[in-house]
Structure formats: C-alpha cells, structure tokens
Amino acid sequence: SNLQNFRDMMRPGSEEAILSNLALEKIAELENFDATEEEIEKEYERIAAANGVDLEMVKKYVHVDGIIAQIKLTKAENIVYDSAIPTDGPVHENESGEQEEKAEEQAETQEEKTEE
C-alpha cells in the first residue's frame, strides 16, 4: 500500500535521527549540561521571532522542559562539531582499509598543527 511504501521510505532517515538524538542526549547527560535562565529566555525569544508570534504566547504553549532539553542537545551538538576531525571528504573504507589509514594520517597531521 501507499502507506507502507511511505513508511519503508521514511524508516532509514527516522532511525538515523532517533539514534543521533539518543547519542546527543547521552553526551549531554555525561557532560552534565544544563540551561541557564538567560539561555532559556533567549531560546524562547528565538522561537517567537522564527514563528512571528508573541513571546508570551510561546511561553504559554512551549513547556520549559522542552526548551531545556533543546538547549542541552544544542550544547552536545556543539561538542561533537568542535571535536570533529576534518577529512578531505566522505570516508568510505575499501577492502584493504586504505581510507581508514588516510583518516588516521589526517588526524595525526591535524594534531601536529594544533600542537604548533
């Protein structure tokens, strides 16, 4: 059926999003991230501006727990992004493991540059 085809098409992306979200939640937990009152207020303001609605309306309908959770996830995303090792492109390992070695060499080069 069309519904089953739609589900089958959406499943891989949905599974990836869920796994990514779970990983970010775990990072936020391990790093003991929290949200300050200022960060919470800024997030409410961002949502209001992005949706063209009154700040008080956003505060009325968007629970603070959701705001705090989003702030923690954003902090976790920033940790992942900031600690990522750049590569020359997508990493696809061939049978001989060449790409893995290339990625390791790039990481070592990046570390040497950082130490200088």
Protein backbone atom coordinates (compact mmCIF):
# COMPACT_ATOMS: atom_id res chain seq x y z
CA SER A 1 0.00 0.00 0.00
CA ASN A 2 0.99 3.63 -0.32
CA LEU A 3 1.18 3.99 3.45
CA GLN A 4 3.55 1.02 3.77
CA ASN A 5 5.71 2.34 0.93
CA PHE A 6 5.87 5.72 2.66
CA ARG A 7 6.86 4.08 5.96
CA ASP A 8 9.53 2.00 4.25
CA MET A 9 10.91 5.10 2.55
CA MET A 10 10.98 7.15 5.77
CA ARG A 11 12.34 4.45 8.10
CA PRO A 12 16.12 4.78 7.43
CA GLY A 13 16.17 8.54 7.97
CA SER A 14 13.93 8.27 11.01
CA GLU A 15 16.07 5.57 12.57
CA GLU A 16 19.21 7.65 11.97
CA ALA A 17 17.59 10.74 13.53
CA ILE A 18 16.49 8.77 16.59
CA LEU A 19 19.94 7.22 17.08
CA SER A 20 21.63 10.62 16.66
CA ASN A 21 19.25 12.16 19.17
CA LEU A 22 19.88 9.36 21.68
CA ALA A 23 23.65 9.82 21.29
CA LEU A 24 23.36 13.58 21.83
CA GLU A 25 21.17 13.05 24.90
CA LYS A 26 23.81 10.70 26.34
CA ILE A 27 26.59 13.23 25.66
CA ALA A 28 24.53 15.94 27.37
CA GLU A 29 24.00 13.64 30.35
CA LEU A 30 27.68 12.66 30.62
CA GLU A 31 28.80 16.27 30.29
CA ASN A 32 26.22 17.38 32.92
CA PHE A 33 24.90 20.10 30.63
CA ASP A 34 22.24 22.40 31.99
CA ALA A 35 20.46 25.51 30.77
CA THR A 36 20.76 28.91 32.38
CA GLU A 37 17.80 31.27 32.78
CA GLU A 38 19.41 33.51 30.16
CA GLU A 39 19.73 30.64 27.67
CA ILE A 40 16.11 29.65 28.28
CA GLU A 41 14.91 33.21 27.69
CA LYS A 42 17.00 33.52 24.50
CA GLU A 43 15.55 30.23 23.18
CA TYR A 44 12.00 31.44 23.84
CA GLU A 45 12.84 34.68 22.03
CA ARG A 46 14.35 32.77 19.10
CA ILE A 47 11.24 30.61 18.75
CA ALA A 48 8.95 33.64 18.93
CA ALA A 49 10.95 35.52 16.29
CA ALA A 50 11.24 32.48 13.99
CA ASN A 51 7.49 31.94 14.09
CA GLY A 52 6.39 35.56 14.14
CA VAL A 53 4.43 35.18 17.37
CA ASP A 54 4.32 36.98 20.68
CA LEU A 55 6.91 35.90 23.27
CA GLU A 56 4.25 35.39 25.93
CA MET A 57 2.33 33.07 23.61
CA VAL A 58 5.44 30.93 23.10
CA LYS A 59 5.99 30.78 26.86
CA LYS A 60 2.37 29.75 27.33
CA TYR A 61 2.44 26.89 24.83
CA VAL A 62 6.06 25.68 24.85
CA HIS A 63 6.92 23.97 28.13
CA VAL A 64 10.21 24.95 29.73
CA ASP A 65 11.32 21.29 29.90
CA GLY A 66 11.30 21.15 26.11
CA ILE A 67 13.35 24.34 25.94
CA ILE A 68 15.90 22.97 28.42
CA ALA A 69 16.14 19.69 26.51
CA GLN A 70 16.75 21.57 23.25
CA ILE A 71 19.48 23.70 24.83
CA LYS A 72 21.22 20.58 26.18
CA LEU A 73 21.06 18.91 22.75
CA THR A 74 22.48 22.02 21.10
CA LYS A 75 25.39 22.03 23.56
CA ALA A 76 26.01 18.34 22.82
CA GLU A 77 25.91 19.03 19.06
CA ASN A 78 28.47 21.79 19.57
CA ILE A 79 30.78 19.40 21.46
CA VAL A 80 30.57 16.88 18.63
CA TYR A 81 31.10 19.54 15.99
CA ASP A 82 34.01 21.17 17.82
CA SER A 83 35.79 17.86 18.39
CA ALA A 84 35.24 16.51 14.87
CA ILE A 85 38.33 15.77 12.82
CA PRO A 86 38.08 17.24 9.32
CA THR A 87 38.70 14.97 6.36
CA ASP A 88 39.08 15.59 2.66
CA GLY A 89 35.64 14.15 2.03
CA PRO A 90 33.35 11.30 2.94
CA VAL A 91 35.10 8.34 4.49
CA HIS A 92 34.43 5.13 2.62
CA GLU A 93 36.68 2.27 3.55
CA ASN A 94 37.71 -0.11 0.81
CA GLU A 95 38.59 -3.77 1.34
CA SER A 96 42.26 -3.03 2.11
CA GLY A 97 41.40 -0.44 4.77
CA GLU A 98 43.14 2.36 2.85
CA GLN A 99 40.64 5.04 3.77
CA GLU A 100 40.91 4.28 7.48
CA GLU A 101 44.70 4.76 7.29
CA LYS A 102 44.23 8.03 5.40
CA ALA A 103 41.81 9.31 8.06
CA GLU A 104 44.29 8.38 10.81
CA GLU A 105 47.09 10.22 8.96
CA GLN A 106 44.86 13.30 8.62
CA ALA A 107 44.07 13.18 12.34
CA GLU A 108 47.77 12.98 13.23
CA THR A 109 48.54 15.89 10.89
CA GLN A 110 45.73 17.91 12.48
CA GLU A 111 47.10 17.15 15.98
CA GLU A 112 50.59 18.23 14.91
CA LYS A 113 49.20 21.51 13.58
CA THR A 114 47.32 22.08 16.83
CA GLU A 115 50.45 21.47 18.90
CA GLU A 116 52.48 24.06 16.91
